[in-house]
Amino acid sequence: METALSNFSGIVDGIDTMCHANQRLQAEKLSMQNISKTIESQQEALEKNTFSCKEICEALGITEPTLIKRRNAGLIPYIKLGRNFYYLKPEVQGEL
């Protein structure tokens, strides 16, 4: 009888451990969803407030090599994220 109670106690402890682990996983999932929403929101804001290389070239009537020269000379303000360059619309508006 004692062995059966000991086994039962071990099973209950295992279930309790699994329940706590599940709660932690659910909390992590919620946290990841919030991070994902934040990233999406920031991406939308970036796209709304910036020109891409193609867009700024079209707006200024210049080629990409000319854009690169002006950017490197500090004539056109930009932000670099990873391999991509973004040109802030308010700061570039004066150039248009």
Protein backbone atom coordinates (compact mmCIF):
# COMPACT_ATOMS: atom_id res chain seq x y z
CA MET A 1 0.00 0.00 0.00
CA GLU A 2 2.82 2.38 0.87
CA THR A 3 4.48 1.70 -2.48
CA ALA A 4 1.24 2.53 -4.28
CA LEU A 5 0.94 5.82 -2.34
CA SER A 6 4.56 6.63 -3.09
CA ASN A 7 4.00 5.96 -6.81
CA PHE A 8 0.82 8.04 -6.76
CA SER A 9 2.66 10.90 -5.04
CA GLY A 10 5.36 10.75 -7.73
CA ILE A 11 2.73 10.89 -10.47
CA VAL A 12 1.03 13.88 -8.81
CA ASP A 13 4.40 15.66 -8.53
CA GLY A 14 5.07 14.97 -12.22
CA ILE A 15 1.68 16.34 -13.24
CA ASP A 16 2.23 19.43 -11.09
CA THR A 17 5.62 20.00 -12.72
CA MET A 18 4.10 19.66 -16.19
CA CYS A 19 1.32 22.12 -15.31
CA HIS A 20 3.86 24.71 -14.15
CA ALA A 21 5.91 24.17 -17.29
CA ASN A 22 2.79 24.63 -19.41
CA GLN A 23 1.97 27.88 -17.62
CA ARG A 24 5.50 29.17 -18.28
CA LEU A 25 5.22 28.21 -21.95
CA GLN A 26 1.88 30.02 -22.28
CA ALA A 27 3.41 33.14 -20.71
CA GLU A 28 6.37 32.94 -23.12
CA LYS A 29 3.99 32.52 -26.06
CA LEU A 30 2.07 35.63 -25.03
CA SER A 31 5.32 37.55 -24.63
CA MET A 32 6.47 36.48 -28.12
CA GLN A 33 3.12 37.57 -29.60
CA ASN A 34 3.51 40.99 -27.97
CA ILE A 35 7.05 41.30 -29.34
CA SER A 36 5.81 40.34 -32.79
CA LYS A 37 3.07 42.99 -32.66
CA THR A 38 5.59 45.62 -31.57
CA ILE A 39 7.94 44.74 -34.44
CA GLU A 40 5.08 44.89 -36.94
CA SER A 41 4.03 48.29 -35.61
CA GLN A 42 7.57 49.64 -35.84
CA GLN A 43 7.94 48.26 -39.37
CA GLU A 44 4.71 50.00 -40.43
CA ALA A 45 5.90 53.29 -38.91
CA LEU A 46 9.25 52.96 -40.68
CA GLU A 47 7.60 52.31 -44.04
CA LYS A 48 5.17 55.21 -43.52
CA ASN A 49 7.87 57.76 -42.62
CA THR A 50 10.66 56.79 -45.01
CA PHE A 51 11.49 56.49 -48.68
CA SER A 52 13.18 53.40 -50.10
CA CYS A 53 16.18 53.86 -52.43
CA LYS A 54 13.94 53.43 -55.46
CA GLU A 55 11.34 55.91 -54.16
CA ILE A 56 13.90 58.61 -53.30
CA CYS A 57 15.60 58.23 -56.67
CA GLU A 58 12.28 58.66 -58.45
CA ALA A 59 11.28 61.62 -56.27
CA LEU A 60 14.63 63.39 -56.82
CA GLY A 61 14.95 62.35 -60.46
CA ILE A 62 18.39 60.83 -59.91
CA THR A 63 20.00 57.44 -60.45
CA GLU A 64 21.01 55.08 -57.66
CA PRO A 65 24.76 55.75 -58.13
CA THR A 66 24.05 59.49 -57.74
CA LEU A 67 22.00 58.77 -54.62
CA ILE A 68 24.88 56.76 -53.17
CA LYS A 69 27.35 59.58 -53.91
CA ARG A 70 25.08 62.16 -52.27
CA ARG A 71 24.43 59.87 -49.29
CA ASN A 72 28.16 59.22 -48.81
CA ALA A 73 28.87 62.95 -49.07
CA GLY A 74 26.37 63.56 -46.26
CA LEU A 75 23.97 65.47 -48.49
CA ILE A 76 21.02 63.13 -47.95
CA PRO A 77 20.20 61.93 -44.40
CA TYR A 78 19.47 58.23 -44.00
CA ILE A 79 19.10 55.35 -41.60
CA LYS A 80 20.76 52.01 -42.25
CA LEU A 81 19.08 48.90 -40.83
CA GLY A 82 20.88 45.72 -41.73
CA ARG A 83 21.64 45.96 -45.43
CA ASN A 84 18.84 48.42 -46.18
CA PHE A 85 18.97 52.20 -46.34
CA TYR A 86 15.95 54.31 -45.45
CA TYR A 87 15.53 58.01 -46.09
CA LEU A 88 13.37 59.95 -43.63
CA LYS A 89 10.58 61.76 -45.43
CA PRO A 90 10.57 64.92 -43.27
CA GLU A 91 14.34 65.37 -43.60
CA VAL A 92 14.40 64.70 -47.33
CA GLN A 93 11.36 66.88 -48.09
CA GLY A 94 13.67 69.90 -48.34
CA GLU A 95 15.63 68.16 -51.09
CA LEU A 96 12.53 67.66 -53.26
